Structures are given as C-alpha cells and as structure tokens.
PDB file of N, CA and C in Angstrom:
ATOM      1  N   MET A   1    -156.379 -67.307   9.326  1.00  0.00           N
ATOM      2  CA  MET A   1    -157.956 -67.645   9.383  1.00  0.00           C
ATOM      3  C   MET A   1    -158.368 -68.450   8.708  1.00  0.00           C
ATOM      4  N   GLN A   2    -158.607 -69.489   9.609  1.00  0.00           N
ATOM      5  CA  GLN A   2    -159.048 -70.754   9.098  1.00  0.00           C
ATOM      6  C   GLN A   2    -160.441 -71.074   8.930  1.00  0.00           C
ATOM      7  N   GLY A   3    -161.620 -70.681   9.869  1.00  0.00           N
ATOM      8  CA  GLY A   3    -162.949 -70.817   9.833  1.00  0.00           C
ATOM      9  C   GLY A   3    -163.353 -69.199   9.582  1.00  0.00           C
ATOM     10  N   MET A   4    -162.742 -68.474   9.602  1.00  0.00           N
ATOM     11  CA  MET A   4    -163.159 -66.996   8.918  1.00  0.00           C
ATOM     12  C   MET A   4    -163.138 -67.219   7.798  1.00  0.00           C
ATOM     13  N   ASP A   5    -162.168 -67.960   7.036  1.00  0.00           N
ATOM     14  CA  ASP A   5    -161.833 -67.707   5.422  1.00  0.00           C
ATOM     15  C   ASP A   5    -163.004 -67.535   4.665  1.00  0.00           C
ATOM     16  N   SER A   6    -164.195 -68.309   5.000  1.00  0.00           N
ATOM     17  CA  SER A   6    -165.474 -68.238   4.027  1.00  0.00           C
ATOM     18  C   SER A   6    -165.967 -66.956   4.056  1.00  0.00           C
ATOM     19  N   GLN A   7    -166.340 -66.367   5.456  1.00  0.00           N
ATOM     20  CA  GLN A   7    -166.993 -64.811   5.316  1.00  0.00           C
ATOM     21  C   GLN A   7    -165.792 -63.869   5.089  1.00  0.00           C
ATOM     22  N   GLU A   8    -164.807 -64.042   5.578  1.00  0.00           N
ATOM     23  CA  GLU A   8    -163.774 -63.026   5.459  1.00  0.00           C
ATOM     24  C   GLU A   8    -163.039 -63.230   3.707  1.00  0.00           C
ATOM     25  N   LEU A   9    -163.477 -63.867   3.298  1.00  0.00           N
ATOM     26  CA  LEU A   9    -163.023 -63.976   1.451  1.00  0.00           C
ATOM     27  C   LEU A   9    -163.926 -62.988   0.799  1.00  0.00           C
ATOM     28  N   HIS A  10    -165.460 -63.275   1.581  1.00  0.00           N
ATOM     29  CA  HIS A  10    -166.411 -62.102   0.837  1.00  0.00           C
ATOM     30  C   HIS A  10    -166.381 -61.076   1.118  1.00  0.00           C
ATOM     31  N   ALA A  11    -165.780 -60.713   2.149  1.00  0.00           N
ATOM     32  CA  ALA A  11    -165.789 -59.091   2.626  1.00  0.00           C
ATOM     33  C   ALA A  11    -164.583 -58.406   2.272  1.00  0.00           C
ATOM     34  N   GLY A  12    -163.208 -59.587   2.419  1.00  0.00           N
ATOM     35  CA  GLY A  12    -162.275 -59.109   2.096  1.00  0.00           C
ATOM     36  C   GLY A  12    -161.428 -58.631   0.582  1.00  0.00           C
ATOM     37  N   ILE A  13    -162.309 -59.395  -0.130  1.00  0.00           N
ATOM     38  CA  ILE A  13    -162.096 -59.923  -1.294  1.00  0.00           C
ATOM     39  C   ILE A  13    -161.980 -58.498  -2.244  1.00  0.00           C
ATOM     40  N   HIS A  14    -162.432 -57.481  -1.685  1.00  0.00           N
ATOM     41  CA  HIS A  14    -162.333 -56.004  -2.646  1.00  0.00           C
ATOM     42  C   HIS A  14    -160.855 -55.085  -2.244  1.00  0.00           C
ATOM     43  N   MET A  15    -160.794 -55.728  -0.687  1.00  0.00           N
ATOM     44  CA  MET A  15    -159.513 -54.942  -0.149  1.00  0.00           C
ATOM     45  C   MET A  15    -158.450 -55.560  -0.571  1.00  0.00           C
ATOM     46  N   VAL A  16    -158.337 -57.103  -0.087  1.00  0.00           N
ATOM     47  CA  VAL A  16    -156.903 -57.924  -0.328  1.00  0.00           C
ATOM     48  C   VAL A  16    -157.268 -58.839  -0.931  1.00  0.00           C
ATOM     49  N   PRO A  17    -156.409 -59.389  -2.180  1.00  0.00           N
ATOM     50  CA  PRO A  17    -156.605 -60.790  -2.781  1.00  0.00           C
ATOM     51  C   PRO A  17    -156.671 -61.759  -1.775  1.00  0.00           C
ATOM     52  N   VAL A  18    -157.158 -62.837  -2.698  1.00  0.00           N
ATOM     53  CA  VAL A  18    -157.307 -64.328  -1.925  1.00  0.00           C
ATOM     54  C   VAL A  18    -155.895 -64.667  -1.140  1.00  0.00           C
ATOM     55  N   GLU A  19    -154.949 -64.280  -2.158  1.00  0.00           N
ATOM     56  CA  GLU A  19    -153.736 -64.916  -1.295  1.00  0.00           C
ATOM     57  C   GLU A  19    -153.413 -64.408  -0.278  1.00  0.00           C
ATOM     58  N   VAL A  20    -153.737 -63.006   0.257  1.00  0.00           N
ATOM     59  CA  VAL A  20    -153.202 -62.339   1.420  1.00  0.00           C
ATOM     60  C   VAL A  20    -154.157 -62.720   2.185  1.00  0.00           C
ATOM     61  N   ILE A  21    -155.428 -63.123   2.473  1.00  0.00           N
ATOM     62  CA  ILE A  21    -156.304 -63.713   3.259  1.00  0.00           C
ATOM     63  C   ILE A  21    -155.857 -64.995   3.643  1.00  0.00           C
ATOM     64  N   GLU A  22    -155.495 -65.902   2.882  1.00  0.00           N
ATOM     65  CA  GLU A  22    -154.964 -66.999   3.006  1.00  0.00           C
ATOM     66  C   GLU A  22    -153.690 -67.047   3.666  1.00  0.00           C
TER      67      GLU A  22
END
C-alpha cells in the first residue's frame, strides 16, 4: 500500500499497528 498509506493509516491504526500497514 503505497498511495493508500495515508488513508489506510488513519482507518487501520485502530485495528493494526503502523508496521503491519507498511
């Protein structure tokens, strides 16, 4: 997730840590 990082980071931060998103 390169471009989605910004949006997914805010929405996914409650569910999964930032390390998993990146």
